[in-house]
C-alpha atoms as a PDB file:
ATOM      1  CA  MET A   1       0.000   0.000   0.000  1.00  0.00           C
ATOM      2  CA  ASN A   2       1.459   3.367  -1.021  1.00  0.00           C
ATOM      3  CA  ALA A   3       1.285   6.583   1.004  1.00  0.00           C
ATOM      4  CA  ALA A   4      -1.692   7.951  -0.957  1.00  0.00           C
ATOM      5  CA  GLN A   5      -3.706   4.750  -0.427  1.00  0.00           C
ATOM      6  CA  SER A   6      -2.791   4.687   3.265  1.00  0.00           C
ATOM      7  CA  LYS A   7      -3.957   8.283   3.667  1.00  0.00           C
ATOM      8  CA  GLN A   8      -7.300   7.496   1.984  1.00  0.00           C
ATOM      9  CA  THR A   9      -7.959   4.458   4.178  1.00  0.00           C
ATOM     10  CA  PRO A  10      -9.988   5.592   7.210  1.00  0.00           C
ATOM     11  CA  SER A  11      -8.739   4.663  10.653  1.00  0.00           C
ATOM     12  CA  PRO A  12     -10.893   2.527  12.986  1.00  0.00           C
ATOM     13  CA  LEU A  13     -11.795   5.699  14.901  1.00  0.00           C
ATOM     14  CA  GLU A  14     -12.788   7.500  11.688  1.00  0.00           C
ATOM     15  CA  ARG A  15     -14.962   4.543  10.658  1.00  0.00           C
ATOM     16  CA  LEU A  16     -16.690   4.585  14.049  1.00  0.00           C
ATOM     17  CA  HIS A  17     -17.414   8.294  13.733  1.00  0.00           C
ATOM     18  CA  ALA A  18     -18.780   7.715  10.226  1.00  0.00           C
ATOM     19  CA  ASP A  19     -21.038   4.944  11.570  1.00  0.00           C
ATOM     20  CA  ARG A  20     -22.243   7.197  14.378  1.00  0.00           C
ATOM     21  CA  ALA A  21     -22.951  10.051  11.956  1.00  0.00           C
ATOM     22  CA  GLY A  22     -24.958   7.712   9.720  1.00  0.00           C
ATOM     23  CA  LEU A  23     -26.991   6.381  12.623  1.00  0.00           C
ATOM     24  CA  THR A  24     -27.561   9.895  13.964  1.00  0.00           C
ATOM     25  CA  GLY A  25     -28.940  10.958  10.582  1.00  0.00           C
ATOM     26  CA  GLU A  26     -31.137   7.870  10.423  1.00  0.00           C
ATOM     27  CA  LEU A  27     -32.374   8.590  13.940  1.00  0.00           C
ATOM     28  CA  ALA A  28     -33.295  12.175  13.037  1.00  0.00           C
ATOM     29  CA  SER A  29     -35.258  10.924  10.002  1.00  0.00           C
ATOM     30  CA  LEU A  30     -37.143   8.372  12.102  1.00  0.00           C
ATOM     31  CA  GLN A  31     -37.947  10.948  14.766  1.00  0.00           C
ATOM     32  CA  ALA A  32     -39.348  13.285  12.088  1.00  0.00           C
ATOM     33  CA  SER A  33     -41.483  10.441  10.719  1.00  0.00           C
ATOM     34  CA  LEU A  34     -42.687   9.612  14.215  1.00  0.00           C
ATOM     35  CA  ALA A  35     -43.716  13.236  14.769  1.00  0.00           C
ATOM     36  CA  ARG A  36     -45.775  13.157  11.561  1.00  0.00           C
ATOM     37  CA  LEU A  37     -47.388   9.872  12.584  1.00  0.00           C
ATOM     38  CA  ARG A  38     -48.332  11.355  15.943  1.00  0.00           C
ATOM     39  CA  GLU A  39     -50.014  14.230  14.143  1.00  0.00           C
ATOM     40  CA  THR A  40     -52.029  11.688  12.142  1.00  0.00           C
ATOM     41  CA  ALA A  41     -52.926   9.779  15.294  1.00  0.00           C
ATOM     42  CA  ASN A  42     -54.051  13.025  16.940  1.00  0.00           C
ATOM     43  CA  ALA A  43     -56.368  13.834  14.010  1.00  0.00           C
ATOM     44  CA  GLU A  44     -58.964  11.424  15.440  1.00  0.00           C
ATOM     45  CA  ALA A  45     -59.076  13.424  18.658  1.00  0.00           C
ATOM     46  CA  ALA A  46     -59.532  16.627  16.645  1.00  0.00           C
ATOM     47  CA  VAL A  47     -62.597  15.169  14.867  1.00  0.00           C
ATOM     48  CA  LEU A  48     -64.000  14.027  18.190  1.00  0.00           C
ATOM     49  CA  ARG A  49     -63.624  17.571  19.471  1.00  0.00           C
ATOM     50  CA  GLU A  50     -65.541  18.818  16.423  1.00  0.00           C
ATOM     51  CA  ILE A  51     -68.322  16.309  17.148  1.00  0.00           C
ATOM     52  CA  GLY A  52     -68.360  17.398  20.768  1.00  0.00           C
ATOM     53  CA  GLU A  53     -68.592  21.053  19.741  1.00  0.00           C
ATOM     54  CA  MET A  54     -71.446  20.235  17.341  1.00  0.00           C
ATOM     55  CA  GLY A  55     -73.312  18.405  20.098  1.00  0.00           C
ATOM     56  CA  SER A  56     -72.801  21.310  22.493  1.00  0.00           C
ATOM     57  CA  ALA A  57     -74.138  23.723  19.855  1.00  0.00           C
ATOM     58  CA  GLU A  58     -77.238  21.559  19.266  1.00  0.00           C
ATOM     59  CA  ILE A  59     -77.878  21.305  22.995  1.00  0.00           C
ATOM     60  CA  ALA A  60     -77.525  25.055  23.388  1.00  0.00           C
ATOM     61  CA  ALA A  61     -79.958  25.643  20.528  1.00  0.00           C
ATOM     62  CA  MET A  62     -82.468  23.201  21.977  1.00  0.00           C
ATOM     63  CA  THR A  63     -82.106  24.760  25.437  1.00  0.00           C
ATOM     64  CA  SER A  64     -82.676  28.212  24.006  1.00  0.00           C
ATOM     65  CA  TRP A  65     -85.799  27.022  22.115  1.00  0.00           C
ATOM     66  CA  ALA A  66     -87.194  25.374  25.257  1.00  0.00           C
ATOM     67  CA  SER A  67     -86.445  28.436  27.376  1.00  0.00           C
ATOM     68  CA  GLY A  68     -88.372  30.550  24.890  1.00  0.00           C
ATOM     69  CA  GLY A  69     -91.516  28.516  25.404  1.00  0.00           C
ATOM     70  CA  CYS A  70     -91.035  26.008  22.608  1.00  0.00           C
ATOM     71  CA  VAL A  71     -92.495  28.378  20.091  1.00  0.00           C
ATOM     72  CA  GLY A  72     -92.494  27.007  16.552  1.00  0.00           C
ATOM     73  CA  ASP A  73     -90.534  24.045  15.352  1.00  0.00           C
ATOM     74  CA  GLY A  74     -87.634  22.949  17.449  1.00  0.00           C
ATOM     75  CA  PRO A  75     -84.102  23.208  16.058  1.00  0.00           C
ATOM     76  CA  ALA A  76     -83.275  20.233  13.815  1.00  0.00           C
ATOM     77  CA  PRO A  77     -79.837  18.634  13.850  1.00  0.00           C
ATOM     78  CA  ASP A  78     -77.570  19.297  10.886  1.00  0.00           C
ATOM     79  CA  LEU A  79     -77.658  15.824   9.316  1.00  0.00           C
ATOM     80  CA  LYS A  80     -75.267  16.801   6.548  1.00  0.00           C
ATOM     81  CA  GLN A  81     -72.675  17.965   9.044  1.00  0.00           C
ATOM     82  CA  ARG A  82     -73.230  14.828  11.095  1.00  0.00           C
ATOM     83  CA  ARG A  83     -72.573  12.639   8.025  1.00  0.00           C
ATOM     84  CA  THR A  84     -69.490  14.670   7.153  1.00  0.00           C
ATOM     85  CA  LEU A  85     -68.092  14.383  10.657  1.00  0.00           C
ATOM     86  CA  ALA A  86     -68.940  10.669  10.806  1.00  0.00           C
ATOM     87  CA  GLU A  87     -66.997  10.105   7.580  1.00  0.00           C
ATOM     88  CA  LYS A  88     -64.095  12.202   8.874  1.00  0.00           C
ATOM     89  CA  LEU A  89     -64.114  10.268  12.130  1.00  0.00           C
ATOM     90  CA  ALA A  90     -64.063   6.909  10.348  1.00  0.00           C
ATOM     91  CA  ALA A  91     -61.184   8.005   8.096  1.00  0.00           C
ATOM     92  CA  ALA A  92     -59.290   9.562  11.014  1.00  0.00           C
ATOM     93  CA  ALA A  93     -59.813   6.475  13.177  1.00  0.00           C
ATOM     94  CA  ALA A  94     -58.485   4.192  10.430  1.00  0.00           C
ATOM     95  CA  ALA A  95     -55.515   6.502   9.831  1.00  0.00           C
ATOM     96  CA  ALA A  96     -54.857   6.744  13.567  1.00  0.00           C
ATOM     97  CA  THR A  97     -54.857   2.954  13.929  1.00  0.00           C
ATOM     98  CA  ALA A  98     -52.361   2.605  11.088  1.00  0.00           C
ATOM     99  CA  ALA A  99     -50.274   5.506  12.428  1.00  0.00           C
ATOM    100  CA  LYS A 100     -50.137   4.019  15.922  1.00  0.00           C
ATOM    101  CA  ALA A 101     -49.008   0.649  14.511  1.00  0.00           C
ATOM    102  CA  ALA A 102     -46.374   2.326  12.363  1.00  0.00           C
ATOM    103  CA  GLY A 103     -45.362   4.507  15.310  1.00  0.00           C
ATOM    104  CA  THR A 104     -44.802   1.424  17.453  1.00  0.00           C
ATOM    105  CA  GLU A 105     -42.531  -0.023  14.780  1.00  0.00           C
ATOM    106  CA  ILE A 106     -40.608   3.230  14.457  1.00  0.00           C
ATOM    107  CA  ASP A 107     -40.316   3.460  18.250  1.00  0.00           C
ATOM    108  CA  ASN A 108     -38.716   0.008  18.184  1.00  0.00           C
ATOM    109  CA  GLN A 109     -36.333   1.104  15.429  1.00  0.00           C
ATOM    110  CA  ILE A 110     -35.433   4.249  17.370  1.00  0.00           C
ATOM    111  CA  GLY A 111     -34.751   2.144  20.463  1.00  0.00           C
ATOM    112  CA  GLU A 112     -32.497  -0.157  18.453  1.00  0.00           C
ATOM    113  CA  ILE A 113     -30.591   2.766  16.920  1.00  0.00           C
ATOM    114  CA  ASN A 114     -30.137   4.399  20.340  1.00  0.00           C
ATOM    115  CA  SER A 115     -28.761   1.109  21.631  1.00  0.00           C
ATOM    116  CA  ARG A 116     -26.346   0.920  18.695  1.00  0.00           C
ATOM    117  CA  LEU A 117     -25.342   4.549  19.241  1.00  0.00           C
ATOM    118  CA  ARG A 118     -24.538   3.825  22.892  1.00  0.00           C
ATOM    119  CA  ALA A 119     -22.410   0.868  21.828  1.00  0.00           C
ATOM    120  CA  ILE A 120     -20.599   2.940  19.195  1.00  0.00           C
ATOM    121  CA  SER A 121     -20.010   5.774  21.671  1.00  0.00           C
ATOM    122  CA  SER A 122     -18.404   3.255  24.020  1.00  0.00           C
ATOM    123  CA  GLN A 123     -16.237   1.959  21.155  1.00  0.00           C
ATOM    124  CA  ILE A 124     -15.274   5.520  20.201  1.00  0.00           C
ATOM    125  CA  GLU A 125     -14.244   6.226  23.794  1.00  0.00           C
ATOM    126  CA  LYS A 126     -12.063   3.097  23.799  1.00  0.00           C
ATOM    127  CA  ALA A 127     -10.573   3.998  20.407  1.00  0.00           C
ATOM    128  CA  ALA A 128      -9.843   7.522  21.672  1.00  0.00           C
ATOM    129  CA  LEU A 129      -8.062   6.072  24.712  1.00  0.00           C
ATOM    130  CA  ASP A 130      -6.121   3.724  22.420  1.00  0.00           C
ATOM    131  CA  ALA A 131      -5.108   6.707  20.260  1.00  0.00           C
ATOM    132  CA  MET A 132      -3.910   8.663  23.288  1.00  0.00           C
ATOM    133  CA  GLN A 133      -1.988   5.631  24.530  1.00  0.00           C
ATOM    134  CA  ALA A 134      -0.337   5.424  21.107  1.00  0.00           C
ATOM    135  CA  ASP A 135       0.512   9.131  21.453  1.00  0.00           C
ATOM    136  CA  PHE A 136       2.053   8.362  24.840  1.00  0.00           C
ATOM    137  CA  SER A 137       4.148   5.548  23.364  1.00  0.00           C
ATOM    138  CA  ALA A 138       5.443   7.874  20.647  1.00  0.00           C
ATOM    139  CA  LEU A 139       6.241  10.518  23.257  1.00  0.00           C
ATOM    140  CA  ASN A 140       8.002   7.895  25.375  1.00  0.00           C
ATOM    141  CA  ASP A 141      10.175   6.961  22.390  1.00  0.00           C
ATOM    142  CA  GLN A 142      11.042  10.639  21.943  1.00  0.00           C
ATOM    143  CA  HIS A 143      11.765  10.940  25.658  1.00  0.00           C
ATOM    144  CA  LEU A 144      14.088   7.940  25.576  1.00  0.00           C
ATOM    145  CA  ALA A 145      15.924   9.350  22.556  1.00  0.00           C
ATOM    146  CA  ALA A 146      16.220  12.776  24.184  1.00  0.00           C
ATOM    147  CA  THR A 147      17.380  11.214  27.466  1.00  0.00           C
ATOM    148  CA  GLU A 148      20.049   9.228  25.620  1.00  0.00           C
ATOM    149  CA  ALA A 149      21.199  12.394  23.834  1.00  0.00           C
ATOM    150  CA  ILE A 150      21.357  14.278  27.162  1.00  0.00           C
ATOM    151  CA  ARG A 151      23.252  11.375  28.754  1.00  0.00           C
ATOM    152  CA  LYS A 152      25.873  11.445  25.999  1.00  0.00           C
ATOM    153  CA  LEU A 153      26.211  15.227  26.232  1.00  0.00           C
ATOM    154  CA  ALA A 154      26.608  15.008  30.013  1.00  0.00           C
ATOM    155  CA  ALA A 155      29.285  12.324  29.578  1.00  0.00           C
ATOM    156  CA  LYS A 156      31.195  14.600  27.210  1.00  0.00           C
ATOM    157  CA  MET A 157      30.945  17.549  29.577  1.00  0.00           C
ATOM    158  CA  HIS A 158      32.000  15.516  32.623  1.00  0.00           C
ATOM    159  CA  GLY A 159      34.716  13.942  30.519  1.00  0.00           C
ATOM    160  CA  LEU A 160      36.285  17.341  29.849  1.00  0.00           C
ATOM    161  CA  CYS A 161      36.257  18.169  33.570  1.00  0.00           C
ATOM    162  CA  SER A 162      37.839  14.793  34.325  1.00  0.00           C
ATOM    163  CA  TYR A 163      40.527  15.324  31.692  1.00  0.00           C
ATOM    164  CA  LEU A 164      41.412  18.775  33.023  1.00  0.00           C
ATOM    165  CA  SER A 165      41.611  17.515  36.613  1.00  0.00           C
ATOM    166  CA  ASN A 166      43.750  14.506  35.687  1.00  0.00           C
ATOM    167  CA  GLU A 167      46.016  16.576  33.488  1.00  0.00           C
ATOM    168  CA  GLY A 168      46.421  19.228  36.184  1.00  0.00           C
ATOM    169  CA  ARG A 169      47.440  16.633  38.770  1.00  0.00           C
ATOM    170  CA  ARG A 170      49.797  15.002  36.282  1.00  0.00           C
ATOM    171  CA  LEU A 171      51.521  18.295  35.563  1.00  0.00           C
ATOM    172  CA  ILE A 172      51.860  19.033  39.263  1.00  0.00           C
ATOM    173  CA  ASP A 173      53.330  15.569  39.844  1.00  0.00           C
ATOM    174  CA  ARG A 174      55.873  16.346  37.104  1.00  0.00           C
ATOM    175  CA  GLY A 175      56.830  19.538  38.870  1.00  0.00           C
ATOM    176  CA  ASP A 176      55.030  21.989  36.579  1.00  0.00           C
ATOM    177  CA  LEU A 177      53.017  23.596  39.346  1.00  0.00           C
ATOM    178  CA  GLU A 178      51.786  26.653  37.420  1.00  0.00           C
ATOM    179  CA  ALA A 179      50.549  24.651  34.449  1.00  0.00           C
ATOM    180  CA  GLY A 180      48.916  22.161  36.780  1.00  0.00           C
ATOM    181  CA  LYS A 181      47.072  24.934  38.608  1.00  0.00           C
ATOM    182  CA  ARG A 182      45.785  26.342  35.333  1.00  0.00           C
ATOM    183  CA  TYR A 183      44.232  22.967  34.395  1.00  0.00           C
ATOM    184  CA  LEU A 184      42.801  22.421  37.862  1.00  0.00           C
ATOM    185  CA  ALA A 185      41.324  25.949  37.877  1.00  0.00           C
ATOM    186  CA  ARG A 186      39.595  25.279  34.556  1.00  0.00           C
ATOM    187  CA  ALA A 187      38.282  21.955  35.848  1.00  0.00           C
ATOM    188  CA  GLU A 188      36.942  23.607  39.003  1.00  0.00           C
ATOM    189  CA  ALA A 189      35.295  26.416  37.005  1.00  0.00           C
ATOM    190  CA  LEU A 190      33.550  24.011  34.643  1.00  0.00           C
ATOM    191  CA  THR A 191      32.501  21.657  37.440  1.00  0.00           C
ATOM    192  CA  SER A 192      30.835  24.539  39.267  1.00  0.00           C
ATOM    193  CA  ILE A 193      28.487  25.111  36.339  1.00  0.00           C
ATOM    194  CA  LYS A 194      25.089  23.654  37.263  1.00  0.00           C
ATOM    195  CA  LEU A 195      23.640  21.498  34.523  1.00  0.00           C
ATOM    196  CA  ALA A 196      20.042  22.142  33.444  1.00  0.00           C
ATOM    197  CA  SER A 197      17.498  19.911  35.183  1.00  0.00           C
ATOM    198  CA  PRO A 198      14.920  18.057  33.005  1.00  0.00           C
ATOM    199  CA  GLY A 199      12.323  18.255  35.792  1.00  0.00           C
ATOM    200  CA  VAL A 200       8.873  19.740  35.113  1.00  0.00           C
ATOM    201  CA  THR A 201       6.766  22.094  37.213  1.00  0.00           C
ATOM    202  CA  GLN A 202       3.255  21.436  38.507  1.00  0.00           C
ATOM    203  CA  GLY A 203       1.986  24.244  36.284  1.00  0.00           C
ATOM    204  CA  GLU A 204       3.464  22.570  33.202  1.00  0.00           C
ATOM    205  CA  ILE A 205       1.822  19.279  34.175  1.00  0.00           C
ATOM    206  CA  ILE A 206      -1.565  20.989  34.596  1.00  0.00           C
ATOM    207  CA  GLU A 207      -1.193  22.693  31.213  1.00  0.00           C
ATOM    208  CA  ALA A 208      -0.300  19.374  29.579  1.00  0.00           C
ATOM    209  CA  ALA A 209      -3.287  17.700  31.279  1.00  0.00           C
ATOM    210  CA  ASN A 210      -5.540  20.384  29.799  1.00  0.00           C
ATOM    211  CA  ASP A 211      -4.043  19.681  26.366  1.00  0.00           C
ATOM    212  CA  TRP A 212      -4.865  15.983  26.811  1.00  0.00           C
ATOM    213  CA  SER A 213      -8.407  16.913  27.835  1.00  0.00           C
ATOM    214  CA  ARG A 214      -8.851  18.875  24.611  1.00  0.00           C
ATOM    215  CA  ARG A 215      -7.300  16.009  22.651  1.00  0.00           C
ATOM    216  CA  ALA A 216      -9.722  13.508  24.209  1.00  0.00           C
ATOM    217  CA  ALA A 217     -12.726  15.741  23.432  1.00  0.00           C
ATOM    218  CA  ALA A 218     -11.607  16.163  19.823  1.00  0.00           C
ATOM    219  CA  LEU A 219     -11.113  12.424  19.379  1.00  0.00           C
ATOM    220  CA  ASN A 220     -14.549  11.647  20.842  1.00  0.00           C
ATOM    221  CA  LYS A 221     -16.209  14.264  18.615  1.00  0.00           C
ATOM    222  CA  GLY A 222     -14.402  13.116  15.486  1.00  0.00           C
ATOM    223  CA  LEU A 223     -12.429  16.356  15.158  1.00  0.00           C
ATOM    224  CA  ALA A 224      -9.050  14.610  15.393  1.00  0.00           C
ATOM    225  CA  THR A 225      -7.478  11.312  14.361  1.00  0.00           C
END
């Protein structure tokens, strides 16, 4: 596999995020369908309210006629409206029954998708932790390499001090006191130089921890690989 092919191949974490995005889109579509089905199911209740309002109007008319002494013919019910509402109620009831059945099926699908999303979120969290552990391993390799480089540099620096000290004592033993003192003075001056410490401060650790927090959030959201 060449570099271009490797770059085009999604990582396991990228595939998980793609799966989650697909399921999230499917979930949104199902929820929209469920909302429309609920509107259909509620249409039956709306027709029943119309029937109730019609009945209340007929009762009010009859009450008014009776209160007026029952003069003339009593108010007759609107048979045409009754037939219209009866037809609407039958159609709405049939639609509501179908909508409720379909809604139950969609509810089951939504439950299944939510379950799959929870599983994928758990897998994404694990993959994010794996990615950060891989980051740590790479950093550890860099740390080992840097430590080895520092160790070799320190050996060279201490080696010079050792050479100057040994040479100074050798010259003194040979009777060249002035030359020996010059070497020993150089050795003492260099030895007094304090080498830089690789230690880290608590503030630096906190800052790095915050960086890892942002890295974890990006990995879990699919904003990093």
